Amino acid sequence: MPKSLPQRLAADTCGEFLAAAECRYEEGLTLYDAGWRAGAIYLWGYSAEMLLKAAVFRAMGSSLRDEIRKDDLEAARSLARQNNLRWNGNYHFLPGWAELLLFVRTSVPGLRFRDVSLGSTIQFHAIEVNRFWRETIRYHKNIAYRWEAARVRQSVEWLLGNVQVL
């Protein structure tokens, strides 16, 4: 008998986050085209989250294959809190991940962004997605406006298109 989907999941790694971010983005496009804009936003929000988390852990020294565990997530959250970065305690808080990415990139020699405006652009897109997305929207029947979905899509597309420089 074949293994079930949960049994086939790979470990959480930066590489898996990046691959899954692409998949959730594409699935979001399918939902959007079918008129399910809230579902598209839901998947696109996770895409943004995985892109930001992969960037943070890469900046902290993880390879694409290193497993990201619960204690790694907690260490990232603790680092943010110790340095008075914006963090609401939720592992899905996109502005917190963006701010942590900028902190790590400016704190580690050789990791500063070449383009000084890149940091504020990353923060803008994280905040923009966060304006319309929460992991809890899955529990509600609300219908997203077309303009809301367009704003989230644009920001996620920017993150995906710039993943190499994050």
N, C-alpha and C. Protein backbone atom coordinates (compact mmCIF):
# COMPACT_ATOMS: atom_id res chain seq x y z
N MET A 1 0.85 -1.18 0.00
CA MET A 1 0.00 0.00 0.00
C MET A 1 0.90 1.25 0.00
N PRO A 2 0.57 2.22 -0.84
CA PRO A 2 1.40 3.42 -0.89
C PRO A 2 1.30 4.22 0.41
N LYS A 3 2.37 4.97 0.70
CA LYS A 3 2.39 5.84 1.87
C LYS A 3 1.44 7.01 1.67
N SER A 4 0.85 7.47 2.75
CA SER A 4 -0.05 8.63 2.69
C SER A 4 0.78 9.92 2.54
N LEU A 5 0.12 10.98 2.16
CA LEU A 5 0.79 12.26 1.97
C LEU A 5 1.61 12.67 3.20
N PRO A 6 1.06 12.66 4.42
CA PRO A 6 1.88 13.05 5.57
C PRO A 6 3.12 12.16 5.75
N GLN A 7 3.02 10.90 5.38
CA GLN A 7 4.16 10.00 5.50
C GLN A 7 5.23 10.29 4.44
N ARG A 8 4.85 10.98 3.38
CA ARG A 8 5.79 11.28 2.30
C ARG A 8 6.45 12.65 2.43
N LEU A 9 6.10 13.40 3.47
CA LEU A 9 6.66 14.74 3.62
C LEU A 9 8.15 14.68 3.93
N ALA A 10 8.89 15.54 3.28
CA ALA A 10 10.32 15.66 3.58
C ALA A 10 10.48 16.51 4.83
N ALA A 11 11.67 16.48 5.39
CA ALA A 11 11.98 17.33 6.54
C ALA A 11 11.90 18.80 6.13
N ASP A 12 11.60 19.66 7.10
CA ASP A 12 11.61 21.10 6.83
C ASP A 12 13.06 21.54 6.66
N THR A 13 13.36 22.09 5.49
CA THR A 13 14.68 22.62 5.19
C THR A 13 14.49 23.91 4.40
N CYS A 14 15.54 24.68 4.25
CA CYS A 14 15.44 25.88 3.41
C CYS A 14 15.08 25.50 1.98
N GLY A 15 15.67 24.44 1.48
CA GLY A 15 15.35 24.00 0.13
C GLY A 15 13.91 23.58 -0.01
N GLU A 16 13.40 22.87 0.99
CA GLU A 16 11.99 22.44 0.96
C GLU A 16 11.06 23.65 1.07
N PHE A 17 11.43 24.63 1.91
CA PHE A 17 10.63 25.85 2.02
C PHE A 17 10.54 26.56 0.67
N LEU A 18 11.68 26.68 -0.01
CA LEU A 18 11.69 27.38 -1.30
C LEU A 18 10.87 26.64 -2.35
N ALA A 19 11.02 25.33 -2.40
CA ALA A 19 10.24 24.54 -3.36
C ALA A 19 8.76 24.61 -3.06
N ALA A 20 8.40 24.51 -1.78
CA ALA A 20 7.00 24.57 -1.39
C ALA A 20 6.41 25.95 -1.65
N ALA A 21 7.21 27.00 -1.47
CA ALA A 21 6.74 28.36 -1.73
C ALA A 21 6.31 28.50 -3.19
N GLU A 22 7.09 27.92 -4.08
CA GLU A 22 6.73 27.94 -5.51
C GLU A 22 5.43 27.18 -5.75
N CYS A 23 5.31 26.00 -5.13
CA CYS A 23 4.09 25.19 -5.30
C CYS A 23 2.86 25.92 -4.79
N ARG A 24 2.94 26.48 -3.58
CA ARG A 24 1.77 27.17 -3.01
C ARG A 24 1.42 28.39 -3.84
N TYR A 25 2.43 29.07 -4.41
CA TYR A 25 2.15 30.21 -5.28
C TYR A 25 1.36 29.75 -6.51
N GLU A 26 1.82 28.69 -7.14
CA GLU A 26 1.13 28.17 -8.33
C GLU A 26 -0.29 27.70 -7.99
N GLU A 27 -0.44 27.02 -6.87
CA GLU A 27 -1.78 26.59 -6.45
C GLU A 27 -2.67 27.80 -6.18
N GLY A 28 -2.08 28.86 -5.62
CA GLY A 28 -2.84 30.09 -5.40
C GLY A 28 -3.33 30.70 -6.70
N LEU A 29 -2.50 30.64 -7.73
CA LEU A 29 -2.93 31.14 -9.04
C LEU A 29 -4.14 30.37 -9.55
N THR A 30 -4.12 29.05 -9.37
CA THR A 30 -5.25 28.22 -9.80
C THR A 30 -6.52 28.61 -9.06
N LEU A 31 -6.41 28.80 -7.74
CA LEU A 31 -7.58 29.22 -6.97
C LEU A 31 -8.07 30.59 -7.40
N TYR A 32 -7.13 31.51 -7.60
CA TYR A 32 -7.50 32.85 -8.03
C TYR A 32 -8.26 32.81 -9.35
N ASP A 33 -7.73 32.06 -10.31
CA ASP A 33 -8.38 31.96 -11.63
C ASP A 33 -9.77 31.34 -11.54
N ALA A 34 -9.99 30.51 -10.53
CA ALA A 34 -11.30 29.88 -10.33
C ALA A 34 -12.24 30.76 -9.50
N GLY A 35 -11.77 31.95 -9.11
CA GLY A 35 -12.61 32.87 -8.35
C GLY A 35 -12.50 32.72 -6.84
N TRP A 36 -11.62 31.88 -6.37
CA TRP A 36 -11.44 31.64 -4.94
C TRP A 36 -10.29 32.49 -4.41
N ARG A 37 -10.55 33.81 -4.32
CA ARG A 37 -9.49 34.76 -3.98
C ARG A 37 -9.00 34.61 -2.55
N ALA A 38 -9.87 34.33 -1.60
CA ALA A 38 -9.42 34.14 -0.21
C ALA A 38 -8.51 32.92 -0.11
N GLY A 39 -8.85 31.87 -0.84
CA GLY A 39 -7.99 30.68 -0.86
C GLY A 39 -6.64 30.98 -1.47
N ALA A 40 -6.64 31.81 -2.51
CA ALA A 40 -5.38 32.21 -3.14
C ALA A 40 -4.53 32.99 -2.15
N ILE A 41 -5.14 33.94 -1.45
CA ILE A 41 -4.41 34.73 -0.45
C ILE A 41 -3.86 33.81 0.63
N TYR A 42 -4.66 32.85 1.04
CA TYR A 42 -4.22 31.91 2.07
C TYR A 42 -2.93 31.19 1.65
N LEU A 43 -2.91 30.67 0.45
CA LEU A 43 -1.72 29.96 -0.03
C LEU A 43 -0.57 30.92 -0.29
N TRP A 44 -0.85 32.09 -0.85
CA TRP A 44 0.21 33.05 -1.12
C TRP A 44 0.86 33.56 0.17
N GLY A 45 0.07 33.67 1.23
CA GLY A 45 0.64 34.08 2.51
C GLY A 45 1.65 33.07 3.01
N TYR A 46 1.31 31.79 2.87
CA TYR A 46 2.27 30.76 3.27
C TYR A 46 3.50 30.78 2.36
N SER A 47 3.31 31.08 1.11
CA SER A 47 4.45 31.19 0.20
C SER A 47 5.40 32.28 0.69
N ALA A 48 4.87 33.44 1.03
CA ALA A 48 5.70 34.53 1.54
C ALA A 48 6.39 34.12 2.83
N GLU A 49 5.66 33.45 3.71
CA GLU A 49 6.24 33.01 4.98
C GLU A 49 7.44 32.08 4.74
N MET A 50 7.28 31.13 3.87
CA MET A 50 8.37 30.17 3.62
C MET A 50 9.56 30.85 2.96
N LEU A 51 9.31 31.81 2.07
CA LEU A 51 10.41 32.53 1.44
C LEU A 51 11.21 33.33 2.48
N LEU A 52 10.50 34.00 3.37
CA LEU A 52 11.18 34.78 4.41
C LEU A 52 11.92 33.88 5.40
N LYS A 53 11.29 32.79 5.81
CA LYS A 53 11.96 31.87 6.74
C LYS A 53 13.21 31.27 6.11
N ALA A 54 13.12 30.87 4.86
CA ALA A 54 14.30 30.30 4.19
C ALA A 54 15.41 31.35 4.14
N ALA A 55 15.07 32.59 3.85
CA ALA A 55 16.08 33.65 3.79
C ALA A 55 16.72 33.87 5.16
N VAL A 56 15.92 33.87 6.20
CA VAL A 56 16.46 34.06 7.55
C VAL A 56 17.41 32.92 7.91
N PHE A 57 16.96 31.70 7.72
CA PHE A 57 17.81 30.57 8.12
C PHE A 57 19.05 30.46 7.24
N ARG A 58 18.95 30.82 5.98
CA ARG A 58 20.13 30.85 5.12
C ARG A 58 21.12 31.90 5.63
N ALA A 59 20.60 33.08 6.00
CA ALA A 59 21.46 34.14 6.53
C ALA A 59 22.11 33.73 7.86
N MET A 60 21.41 32.87 8.60
CA MET A 60 21.94 32.39 9.88
C MET A 60 22.88 31.20 9.71
N GLY A 61 23.11 30.79 8.46
CA GLY A 61 24.10 29.75 8.19
C GLY A 61 23.58 28.39 7.80
N SER A 62 22.28 28.22 7.69
CA SER A 62 21.74 26.92 7.27
C SER A 62 21.94 26.72 5.78
N SER A 63 22.20 25.49 5.40
CA SER A 63 22.28 25.15 3.98
C SER A 63 20.87 24.83 3.50
N LEU A 64 20.75 24.58 2.21
CA LEU A 64 19.45 24.20 1.66
C LEU A 64 18.96 22.88 2.22
N ARG A 65 19.88 22.04 2.70
CA ARG A 65 19.53 20.70 3.17
C ARG A 65 19.47 20.55 4.68
N ASP A 66 19.92 21.54 5.42
CA ASP A 66 19.89 21.43 6.89
C ASP A 66 18.44 21.46 7.38
N GLU A 67 18.12 20.54 8.26
CA GLU A 67 16.76 20.47 8.79
C GLU A 67 16.48 21.66 9.70
N ILE A 68 15.30 22.24 9.54
CA ILE A 68 14.83 23.33 10.40
C ILE A 68 13.86 22.70 11.39
N ARG A 69 14.23 22.74 12.67
CA ARG A 69 13.41 22.12 13.71
C ARG A 69 12.73 23.19 14.56
N LYS A 70 11.89 22.72 15.45
CA LYS A 70 11.17 23.62 16.37
C LYS A 70 12.15 24.48 17.17
N ASP A 71 13.26 23.89 17.63
CA ASP A 71 14.22 24.68 18.41
C ASP A 71 14.90 25.75 17.54
N ASP A 72 15.03 25.52 16.25
CA ASP A 72 15.57 26.53 15.34
C ASP A 72 14.59 27.71 15.22
N LEU A 73 13.31 27.39 15.11
CA LEU A 73 12.30 28.44 15.05
C LEU A 73 12.29 29.25 16.34
N GLU A 74 12.40 28.56 17.46
CA GLU A 74 12.42 29.25 18.75
C GLU A 74 13.67 30.11 18.89
N ALA A 75 14.80 29.62 18.40
CA ALA A 75 16.04 30.42 18.45
C ALA A 75 15.89 31.69 17.63
N ALA A 76 15.24 31.58 16.49
CA ALA A 76 15.02 32.77 15.65
C ALA A 76 14.11 33.75 16.38
N ARG A 77 13.05 33.26 16.96
CA ARG A 77 12.13 34.14 17.70
C ARG A 77 12.84 34.77 18.89
N SER A 78 13.66 34.01 19.60
CA SER A 78 14.40 34.54 20.74
C SER A 78 15.39 35.62 20.31
N LEU A 79 16.06 35.39 19.20
CA LEU A 79 16.99 36.40 18.68
C LEU A 79 16.26 37.70 18.38
N ALA A 80 15.08 37.59 17.80
CA ALA A 80 14.28 38.78 17.51
C ALA A 80 13.90 39.50 18.79
N ARG A 81 13.46 38.76 19.77
CA ARG A 81 13.04 39.39 21.04
C ARG A 81 14.22 40.01 21.77
N GLN A 82 15.36 39.32 21.79
CA GLN A 82 16.55 39.83 22.48
C GLN A 82 17.02 41.15 21.88
N ASN A 83 16.75 41.35 20.63
CA ASN A 83 17.20 42.55 19.94
C ASN A 83 16.07 43.55 19.69
N ASN A 84 14.98 43.37 20.44
CA ASN A 84 13.84 44.29 20.39
C ASN A 84 13.27 44.47 18.99
N LEU A 85 13.27 43.38 18.23
CA LEU A 85 12.68 43.42 16.91
C LEU A 85 11.18 43.17 17.02
N ARG A 86 10.47 43.59 16.01
CA ARG A 86 9.02 43.42 16.00
C ARG A 86 8.69 41.93 15.90
N TRP A 87 8.03 41.41 16.91
CA TRP A 87 7.61 40.02 16.87
C TRP A 87 6.42 39.87 17.79
N ASN A 88 5.34 39.33 17.30
CA ASN A 88 4.14 39.19 18.12
C ASN A 88 4.02 37.82 18.76
N GLY A 89 5.07 37.01 18.68
CA GLY A 89 5.05 35.69 19.29
C GLY A 89 4.58 34.60 18.37
N ASN A 90 4.06 34.94 17.20
CA ASN A 90 3.50 33.99 16.26
C ASN A 90 4.56 33.64 15.20
N TYR A 91 4.76 32.35 14.97
CA TYR A 91 5.74 31.93 13.95
C TYR A 91 5.32 32.31 12.53
N HIS A 92 4.09 32.74 12.34
CA HIS A 92 3.60 33.12 11.02
C HIS A 92 3.64 34.63 10.78
N PHE A 93 4.21 35.39 11.71
CA PHE A 93 4.20 36.85 11.64
C PHE A 93 5.22 37.35 10.62
N LEU A 94 4.77 37.67 9.43
CA LEU A 94 5.65 38.04 8.32
C LEU A 94 6.53 39.26 8.58
N PRO A 95 5.99 40.35 9.16
CA PRO A 95 6.88 41.49 9.43
C PRO A 95 8.01 41.13 10.39
N GLY A 96 7.75 40.22 11.31
CA GLY A 96 8.80 39.78 12.23
C GLY A 96 9.91 39.04 11.50
N TRP A 97 9.54 38.16 10.58
CA TRP A 97 10.55 37.43 9.80
C TRP A 97 11.34 38.39 8.93
N ALA A 98 10.68 39.37 8.33
CA ALA A 98 11.38 40.35 7.48
C ALA A 98 12.36 41.17 8.31
N GLU A 99 11.92 41.63 9.46
CA GLU A 99 12.79 42.44 10.31
C GLU A 99 13.97 41.61 10.83
N LEU A 100 13.73 40.35 11.17
CA LEU A 100 14.81 39.48 11.60
C LEU A 100 15.81 39.26 10.47
N LEU A 101 15.31 39.08 9.26
CA LEU A 101 16.20 38.92 8.11
C LEU A 101 17.12 40.13 7.97
N LEU A 102 16.55 41.32 8.05
CA LEU A 102 17.35 42.53 7.92
C LEU A 102 18.36 42.65 9.06
N PHE A 103 17.95 42.29 10.26
CA PHE A 103 18.87 42.34 11.41
C PHE A 103 20.05 41.41 11.19
N VAL A 104 19.78 40.17 10.81
CA VAL A 104 20.85 39.20 10.61
C VAL A 104 21.76 39.64 9.47
N ARG A 105 21.16 40.09 8.37
CA ARG A 105 21.96 40.49 7.21
C ARG A 105 22.86 41.69 7.52
N THR A 106 22.42 42.58 8.40
CA THR A 106 23.26 43.74 8.74
C THR A 106 24.22 43.42 9.88
N SER A 107 23.97 42.37 10.64
CA SER A 107 24.82 42.02 11.78
C SER A 107 25.99 41.11 11.41
N VAL A 108 25.84 40.36 10.35
CA VAL A 108 26.86 39.39 9.96
C VAL A 108 27.75 40.00 8.88
N PRO A 109 29.05 40.07 9.14
CA PRO A 109 29.94 40.64 8.13
C PRO A 109 29.80 39.92 6.78
N GLY A 110 29.74 40.73 5.73
CA GLY A 110 29.63 40.18 4.39
C GLY A 110 28.23 39.88 3.92
N LEU A 111 27.23 40.05 4.79
CA LEU A 111 25.85 39.73 4.39
C LEU A 111 24.99 40.96 4.13
N ARG A 112 25.55 42.14 4.32
CA ARG A 112 24.75 43.35 4.05
C ARG A 112 24.27 43.35 2.60
N PHE A 113 23.07 43.86 2.41
CA PHE A 113 22.55 43.99 1.05
C PHE A 113 23.37 45.02 0.29
N ARG A 114 23.70 44.72 -0.94
CA ARG A 114 24.43 45.68 -1.78
C ARG A 114 23.58 46.92 -2.05
N ASP A 115 22.31 46.68 -2.30
CA ASP A 115 21.36 47.77 -2.54
C ASP A 115 20.73 48.13 -1.21
N VAL A 116 21.02 49.32 -0.70
CA VAL A 116 20.54 49.70 0.62
C VAL A 116 19.01 49.81 0.69
N SER A 117 18.35 49.98 -0.43
CA SER A 117 16.88 50.08 -0.42
C SER A 117 16.21 48.71 -0.36
N LEU A 118 16.97 47.64 -0.54
CA LEU A 118 16.39 46.30 -0.58
C LEU A 118 15.70 45.93 0.74
N GLY A 119 16.32 46.31 1.84
CA GLY A 119 15.74 45.99 3.14
C GLY A 119 14.35 46.59 3.33
N SER A 120 14.20 47.86 2.97
CA SER A 120 12.88 48.49 3.14
C SER A 120 11.87 47.91 2.15
N THR A 121 12.34 47.47 0.99
CA THR A 121 11.44 46.85 0.02
C THR A 121 10.95 45.49 0.53
N ILE A 122 11.84 44.72 1.12
CA ILE A 122 11.45 43.44 1.72
C ILE A 122 10.42 43.66 2.82
N GLN A 123 10.70 44.63 3.68
CA GLN A 123 9.75 44.93 4.75
C GLN A 123 8.40 45.36 4.20
N PHE A 124 8.41 46.19 3.17
CA PHE A 124 7.16 46.63 2.57
C PHE A 124 6.33 45.43 2.12
N HIS A 125 6.95 44.50 1.40
CA HIS A 125 6.21 43.36 0.87
C HIS A 125 5.73 42.43 1.98
N ALA A 126 6.53 42.26 3.02
CA ALA A 126 6.09 41.43 4.15
C ALA A 126 4.89 42.07 4.84
N ILE A 127 4.94 43.36 5.04
CA ILE A 127 3.83 44.08 5.69
C ILE A 127 2.59 44.05 4.79
N GLU A 128 2.80 44.21 3.49
CA GLU A 128 1.68 44.22 2.55
C GLU A 128 0.95 42.87 2.56
N VAL A 129 1.69 41.77 2.51
CA VAL A 129 1.03 40.46 2.57
C VAL A 129 0.33 40.31 3.91
N ASN A 130 1.00 40.71 4.98
CA ASN A 130 0.46 40.57 6.33
C ASN A 130 -0.83 41.40 6.53
N ARG A 131 -1.02 42.44 5.75
CA ARG A 131 -2.25 43.25 5.85
C ARG A 131 -3.48 42.43 5.52
N PHE A 132 -3.32 41.43 4.66
CA PHE A 132 -4.47 40.69 4.14
C PHE A 132 -4.47 39.21 4.50
N TRP A 133 -3.38 38.72 5.06
CA TRP A 133 -3.22 37.28 5.31
C TRP A 133 -2.98 37.00 6.78
N ARG A 134 -3.64 35.98 7.26
CA ARG A 134 -3.35 35.34 8.54
C ARG A 134 -3.57 33.86 8.30
N GLU A 135 -2.84 33.03 9.01
CA GLU A 135 -3.05 31.59 8.85
C GLU A 135 -4.46 31.20 9.28
N THR A 136 -5.12 32.03 10.07
CA THR A 136 -6.46 31.72 10.57
C THR A 136 -7.58 32.04 9.57
N ILE A 137 -7.27 32.60 8.40
CA ILE A 137 -8.37 32.88 7.46
C ILE A 137 -9.02 31.60 6.98
N ARG A 138 -8.36 30.48 7.19
CA ARG A 138 -8.94 29.20 6.79
C ARG A 138 -10.21 28.88 7.55
N TYR A 139 -10.40 29.52 8.68
CA TYR A 139 -11.57 29.25 9.52
C TYR A 139 -12.78 30.13 9.18
N HIS A 140 -12.65 30.97 8.18
CA HIS A 140 -13.70 31.95 7.90
C HIS A 140 -14.16 31.87 6.44
N LYS A 141 -15.39 32.30 6.22
CA LYS A 141 -16.00 32.20 4.90
C LYS A 141 -15.92 33.50 4.11
N ASN A 142 -15.18 34.48 4.61
CA ASN A 142 -15.10 35.76 3.92
C ASN A 142 -14.62 35.61 2.48
N ILE A 143 -15.05 36.53 1.66
CA ILE A 143 -14.63 36.56 0.27
C ILE A 143 -13.66 37.74 0.12
N ALA A 144 -12.50 37.48 -0.44
CA ALA A 144 -11.51 38.54 -0.61
C ALA A 144 -11.87 39.39 -1.82
N TYR A 145 -11.63 40.68 -1.68
CA TYR A 145 -11.80 41.58 -2.82
C TYR A 145 -10.71 41.31 -3.84
N ARG A 146 -11.03 41.60 -5.08
CA ARG A 146 -10.06 41.40 -6.15
C ARG A 146 -8.78 42.22 -5.90
N TRP A 147 -8.93 43.46 -5.42
CA TRP A 147 -7.76 44.31 -5.19
C TRP A 147 -6.90 43.77 -4.04
N GLU A 148 -7.52 43.13 -3.05
CA GLU A 148 -6.74 42.55 -1.95
C GLU A 148 -5.86 41.41 -2.48
N ALA A 149 -6.47 40.54 -3.27
CA ALA A 149 -5.71 39.43 -3.85
C ALA A 149 -4.61 39.95 -4.76
N ALA A 150 -4.88 41.00 -5.51
CA ALA A 150 -3.87 41.56 -6.41
C ALA A 150 -2.68 42.09 -5.63
N ARG A 151 -2.93 42.74 -4.50
CA ARG A 151 -1.83 43.29 -3.70
C ARG A 151 -0.97 42.17 -3.11
N VAL A 152 -1.61 41.13 -2.60
CA VAL A 152 -0.86 40.01 -2.05
C VAL A 152 -0.06 39.33 -3.15
N ARG A 153 -0.71 39.09 -4.27
CA ARG A 153 -0.03 38.43 -5.39
C ARG A 153 1.19 39.22 -5.84
N GLN A 154 1.08 40.53 -5.97
CA GLN A 154 2.21 41.35 -6.39
C GLN A 154 3.38 41.23 -5.42
N SER A 155 3.08 41.25 -4.13
CA SER A 155 4.15 41.17 -3.15
C SER A 155 4.82 39.80 -3.14
N VAL A 156 4.02 38.76 -3.25
CA VAL A 156 4.61 37.41 -3.28
C VAL A 156 5.41 37.22 -4.56
N GLU A 157 4.92 37.74 -5.66
CA GLU A 157 5.68 37.65 -6.91
C GLU A 157 7.01 38.40 -6.79
N TRP A 158 7.01 39.53 -6.09
CA TRP A 158 8.27 40.26 -5.90
C TRP A 158 9.23 39.40 -5.07
N LEU A 159 8.75 38.82 -3.97
CA LEU A 159 9.60 37.97 -3.14
C LEU A 159 10.15 36.79 -3.92
N LEU A 160 9.27 36.12 -4.68
CA LEU A 160 9.72 34.99 -5.50
C LEU A 160 10.74 35.43 -6.55
N GLY A 161 10.51 36.55 -7.16
CA GLY A 161 11.40 37.03 -8.19
C GLY A 161 12.75 37.50 -7.68
N ASN A 162 12.82 37.76 -6.38
CA ASN A 162 14.05 38.25 -5.77
C ASN A 162 14.62 37.30 -4.75
N VAL A 163 14.20 36.05 -4.79
CA VAL A 163 14.61 35.06 -3.79
C VAL A 163 16.14 34.92 -3.73
N GLN A 164 16.81 35.09 -4.85
CA GLN A 164 18.27 34.93 -4.87
C GLN A 164 19.00 36.00 -4.09
N VAL A 165 18.38 37.17 -3.92
CA VAL A 165 19.05 38.25 -3.18
C VAL A 165 18.54 38.40 -1.76
N LEU A 166 17.50 37.66 -1.41
CA LEU A 166 17.01 37.72 -0.04
C LEU A 166 18.06 37.09 0.86
